[in-house]
Every structure is written in C-alpha cells, then in structure tokens.
Amino acid sequence: MKGIISFDKFSLISRAIDRCSLSGLEKLNDFKSPIDKYAEFSQELASCGLVHLVGLPLIATPDAGSTYQLTNFSEEFVGLLL
C-alpha cells in the first residue's frame, strides 16, 4: 500500500473485504448517517466491524428496524477503497 497504511490495517481491510458480500460493501456509503434500512446487510457489515448498532426501535413494528452507522475503521476503509 506504499506506506499509506500499516500492515495491521491492511490485514483488517482485507479480512473485511473477504467476509462481506460485494452488495453489502456497495451500500457502505449509505451508513455515513445512522440509518435503519438494509437489514439484510447490516448484520453482515457489523460482523466485519464496518458498521455498529446505534439505536433500537422503541416499539416493534414491521417497519421499525435497528439503526446502524459507520465505525471509525469503516470511515477509513471507505476513504481508501470506495
């Protein structure tokens, strides 16, 4: 990476790319602000350390979902790769 990031950071990024689907990674920019859509990708991105849970619905309804936002790591990830 020509000295832009450390080997440890490169390892984390490559692991996240390997574990997440391309469709999920394409949605990553949408998580810059807290959102409650993309439930099918939120858990996957959270397991890779790219988003984190910031809110739960107060009342369970079919339209209510958990709210996720980018982590500090994913902001760097987006800046470098997307």
N, C-alpha and C. Protein backbone atom coordinates (compact mmCIF):
# COMPACT_ATOMS: atom_id res chain seq x y z
N MET A 1 0.83 -1.19 0.00
CA MET A 1 0.00 0.00 0.00
C MET A 1 0.87 1.25 0.00
N LYS A 2 2.16 1.10 -0.30
CA LYS A 2 3.07 2.23 -0.47
C LYS A 2 3.14 3.14 0.75
N GLY A 3 3.09 2.57 1.95
CA GLY A 3 3.24 3.36 3.16
C GLY A 3 2.01 4.16 3.58
N ILE A 4 0.90 3.99 2.88
CA ILE A 4 -0.31 4.74 3.22
C ILE A 4 -0.94 4.20 4.50
N ILE A 5 -0.94 2.89 4.66
CA ILE A 5 -1.50 2.26 5.85
C ILE A 5 -0.51 1.21 6.36
N SER A 6 -0.69 0.84 7.61
CA SER A 6 0.17 -0.19 8.20
C SER A 6 -0.26 -1.58 7.72
N PHE A 7 0.62 -2.55 7.94
CA PHE A 7 0.28 -3.92 7.58
C PHE A 7 -0.91 -4.42 8.40
N ASP A 8 -0.98 -4.03 9.67
CA ASP A 8 -2.10 -4.43 10.52
C ASP A 8 -3.42 -3.91 9.96
N LYS A 9 -3.45 -2.64 9.55
CA LYS A 9 -4.66 -2.06 8.97
C LYS A 9 -5.00 -2.75 7.65
N PHE A 10 -3.98 -3.06 6.85
CA PHE A 10 -4.19 -3.79 5.59
C PHE A 10 -4.83 -5.15 5.87
N SER A 11 -4.37 -5.83 6.91
CA SER A 11 -4.94 -7.13 7.27
C SER A 11 -6.41 -7.02 7.65
N LEU A 12 -6.76 -5.98 8.43
CA LEU A 12 -8.17 -5.77 8.80
C LEU A 12 -9.03 -5.47 7.58
N ILE A 13 -8.52 -4.65 6.70
CA ILE A 13 -9.27 -4.31 5.48
C ILE A 13 -9.47 -5.53 4.61
N SER A 14 -8.43 -6.31 4.41
CA SER A 14 -8.56 -7.49 3.55
C SER A 14 -9.51 -8.52 4.15
N ARG A 15 -9.50 -8.65 5.48
CA ARG A 15 -10.43 -9.57 6.14
C ARG A 15 -11.88 -9.10 5.96
N ALA A 16 -12.12 -7.80 6.07
CA ALA A 16 -13.47 -7.25 5.87
C ALA A 16 -13.94 -7.48 4.45
N ILE A 17 -13.07 -7.26 3.48
CA ILE A 17 -13.43 -7.49 2.07
C ILE A 17 -13.77 -8.96 1.85
N ASP A 18 -12.99 -9.84 2.43
CA ASP A 18 -13.20 -11.27 2.27
C ASP A 18 -14.52 -11.73 2.89
N ARG A 19 -14.90 -11.18 4.04
CA ARG A 19 -16.08 -11.64 4.78
C ARG A 19 -17.39 -11.02 4.34
N CYS A 20 -17.36 -9.87 3.68
CA CYS A 20 -18.58 -9.17 3.30
C CYS A 20 -18.89 -9.36 1.82
N SER A 21 -20.17 -9.37 1.52
CA SER A 21 -20.57 -9.50 0.12
C SER A 21 -20.34 -8.19 -0.61
N LEU A 22 -20.18 -8.26 -1.90
CA LEU A 22 -19.99 -7.06 -2.71
C LEU A 22 -21.21 -6.15 -2.60
N SER A 23 -22.39 -6.75 -2.55
CA SER A 23 -23.62 -5.96 -2.42
C SER A 23 -23.63 -5.17 -1.12
N GLY A 24 -23.18 -5.77 -0.04
CA GLY A 24 -23.11 -5.07 1.24
C GLY A 24 -22.09 -3.95 1.21
N LEU A 25 -20.93 -4.20 0.63
CA LEU A 25 -19.89 -3.17 0.55
C LEU A 25 -20.35 -1.98 -0.30
N GLU A 26 -21.15 -2.26 -1.33
CA GLU A 26 -21.67 -1.18 -2.17
C GLU A 26 -22.60 -0.25 -1.40
N LYS A 27 -23.25 -0.75 -0.37
CA LYS A 27 -24.19 0.04 0.44
C LYS A 27 -23.48 0.81 1.56
N LEU A 28 -22.22 0.57 1.76
CA LEU A 28 -21.49 1.12 2.91
C LEU A 28 -21.58 2.64 3.00
N ASN A 29 -21.48 3.34 1.90
CA ASN A 29 -21.57 4.81 1.92
C ASN A 29 -22.88 5.30 2.51
N ASP A 30 -23.94 4.54 2.38
CA ASP A 30 -25.25 4.94 2.91
C ASP A 30 -25.28 4.98 4.43
N PHE A 31 -24.33 4.35 5.08
CA PHE A 31 -24.30 4.27 6.54
C PHE A 31 -23.53 5.43 7.18
N LYS A 32 -23.14 6.44 6.39
CA LYS A 32 -22.43 7.60 6.95
C LYS A 32 -23.29 8.29 8.01
N SER A 33 -24.58 8.35 7.76
CA SER A 33 -25.54 8.84 8.75
C SER A 33 -26.28 7.62 9.28
N PRO A 34 -26.73 7.64 10.52
CA PRO A 34 -27.46 6.48 11.05
C PRO A 34 -28.69 6.17 10.21
N ILE A 35 -28.81 4.91 9.79
CA ILE A 35 -29.98 4.50 9.01
C ILE A 35 -30.52 3.18 9.54
N ASP A 36 -31.78 2.94 9.22
CA ASP A 36 -32.41 1.70 9.66
C ASP A 36 -32.89 0.87 8.47
N LYS A 37 -32.28 1.06 7.30
CA LYS A 37 -32.61 0.22 6.16
C LYS A 37 -31.47 -0.74 5.88
N TYR A 38 -31.62 -1.59 4.89
CA TYR A 38 -30.63 -2.60 4.53
C TYR A 38 -30.40 -3.62 5.64
N ALA A 39 -31.48 -4.05 6.26
CA ALA A 39 -31.37 -5.04 7.34
C ALA A 39 -30.61 -6.28 6.89
N GLU A 40 -30.75 -6.63 5.61
CA GLU A 40 -30.08 -7.83 5.11
C GLU A 40 -28.56 -7.68 5.09
N PHE A 41 -28.06 -6.45 5.07
CA PHE A 41 -26.62 -6.22 5.05
C PHE A 41 -26.07 -5.73 6.38
N SER A 42 -26.90 -5.14 7.22
CA SER A 42 -26.43 -4.52 8.46
C SER A 42 -25.69 -5.51 9.36
N GLN A 43 -26.26 -6.69 9.57
CA GLN A 43 -25.63 -7.69 10.43
C GLN A 43 -24.29 -8.14 9.85
N GLU A 44 -24.27 -8.35 8.56
CA GLU A 44 -23.04 -8.78 7.89
C GLU A 44 -21.94 -7.73 8.03
N LEU A 45 -22.28 -6.47 7.77
CA LEU A 45 -21.30 -5.39 7.88
C LEU A 45 -20.86 -5.19 9.32
N ALA A 46 -21.77 -5.39 10.26
CA ALA A 46 -21.42 -5.28 11.68
C ALA A 46 -20.44 -6.38 12.09
N SER A 47 -20.63 -7.58 11.57
CA SER A 47 -19.73 -8.68 11.92
C SER A 47 -18.32 -8.47 11.37
N CYS A 48 -18.19 -7.63 10.37
CA CYS A 48 -16.88 -7.30 9.80
C CYS A 48 -16.28 -6.06 10.43
N GLY A 49 -17.00 -5.42 11.36
CA GLY A 49 -16.51 -4.22 12.02
C GLY A 49 -16.68 -2.95 11.21
N LEU A 50 -17.52 -2.99 10.18
CA LEU A 50 -17.68 -1.83 9.32
C LEU A 50 -18.82 -0.90 9.75
N VAL A 51 -19.83 -1.43 10.42
CA VAL A 51 -20.90 -0.60 10.99
C VAL A 51 -21.14 -1.07 12.42
N HIS A 52 -21.78 -0.22 13.21
CA HIS A 52 -22.13 -0.62 14.57
C HIS A 52 -23.53 -0.14 14.89
N LEU A 53 -24.16 -0.84 15.80
CA LEU A 53 -25.52 -0.55 16.22
C LEU A 53 -25.53 0.74 17.03
N VAL A 54 -26.40 1.68 16.63
CA VAL A 54 -26.51 2.94 17.37
C VAL A 54 -27.91 3.18 17.91
N GLY A 55 -28.87 2.33 17.55
CA GLY A 55 -30.23 2.52 18.06
C GLY A 55 -31.13 1.34 17.79
N LEU A 56 -32.00 1.10 18.73
CA LEU A 56 -33.02 0.06 18.61
C LEU A 56 -34.39 0.72 18.59
N PRO A 57 -35.36 0.15 17.85
CA PRO A 57 -36.69 0.74 17.85
C PRO A 57 -37.33 0.63 19.23
N LEU A 58 -38.03 1.68 19.64
CA LEU A 58 -38.71 1.67 20.94
C LEU A 58 -39.94 0.77 20.91
N ILE A 59 -40.61 0.73 19.77
CA ILE A 59 -41.79 -0.11 19.60
C ILE A 59 -41.57 -1.00 18.40
N ALA A 60 -41.76 -2.28 18.59
CA ALA A 60 -41.55 -3.24 17.50
C ALA A 60 -42.73 -3.17 16.53
N THR A 61 -42.44 -2.77 15.31
CA THR A 61 -43.42 -2.77 14.22
C THR A 61 -42.73 -3.35 13.00
N PRO A 62 -43.51 -3.77 12.01
CA PRO A 62 -42.88 -4.33 10.81
C PRO A 62 -41.93 -3.35 10.10
N ASP A 63 -42.20 -2.05 10.24
CA ASP A 63 -41.38 -1.05 9.55
C ASP A 63 -40.19 -0.58 10.37
N ALA A 64 -40.19 -0.86 11.66
CA ALA A 64 -39.11 -0.38 12.53
C ALA A 64 -37.91 -1.31 12.45
N GLY A 65 -36.74 -0.72 12.37
CA GLY A 65 -35.53 -1.52 12.32
C GLY A 65 -34.45 -0.92 13.19
N SER A 66 -33.45 -1.70 13.46
CA SER A 66 -32.30 -1.21 14.22
C SER A 66 -31.52 -0.22 13.37
N THR A 67 -30.88 0.74 14.01
CA THR A 67 -30.15 1.79 13.31
C THR A 67 -28.65 1.51 13.42
N TYR A 68 -27.97 1.58 12.28
CA TYR A 68 -26.54 1.32 12.22
C TYR A 68 -25.84 2.53 11.61
N GLN A 69 -24.55 2.66 11.93
CA GLN A 69 -23.73 3.75 11.40
C GLN A 69 -22.30 3.23 11.20
N LEU A 70 -21.55 3.92 10.34
CA LEU A 70 -20.16 3.54 10.09
C LEU A 70 -19.33 3.60 11.37
N THR A 71 -18.39 2.69 11.49
CA THR A 71 -17.40 2.74 12.57
C THR A 71 -16.25 3.64 12.12
N ASN A 72 -15.36 3.99 13.05
CA ASN A 72 -14.17 4.76 12.69
C ASN A 72 -13.33 4.01 11.67
N PHE A 73 -13.22 2.70 11.86
CA PHE A 73 -12.47 1.86 10.91
C PHE A 73 -13.07 1.93 9.52
N SER A 74 -14.39 1.87 9.42
CA SER A 74 -15.02 1.86 8.10
C SER A 74 -14.93 3.21 7.41
N GLU A 75 -14.88 4.30 8.17
CA GLU A 75 -14.69 5.61 7.54
C GLU A 75 -13.34 5.65 6.83
N GLU A 76 -12.33 5.08 7.46
CA GLU A 76 -11.01 4.98 6.81
C GLU A 76 -11.07 4.02 5.62
N PHE A 77 -11.77 2.91 5.79
CA PHE A 77 -11.97 1.91 4.76
C PHE A 77 -12.60 2.56 3.52
N VAL A 78 -13.68 3.32 3.72
CA VAL A 78 -14.38 3.99 2.62
C VAL A 78 -13.45 5.00 1.96
N GLY A 79 -12.71 5.76 2.76
CA GLY A 79 -11.80 6.75 2.19
C GLY A 79 -10.70 6.14 1.33
N LEU A 80 -10.23 4.96 1.71
CA LEU A 80 -9.15 4.32 0.97
C LEU A 80 -9.63 3.53 -0.25
N LEU A 81 -10.79 2.90 -0.13
CA LEU A 81 -11.18 1.94 -1.16
C LEU A 81 -12.39 2.29 -2.00
N LEU A 82 -13.30 3.07 -1.47
CA LEU A 82 -14.53 3.32 -2.23
C LEU A 82 -14.58 4.72 -2.80
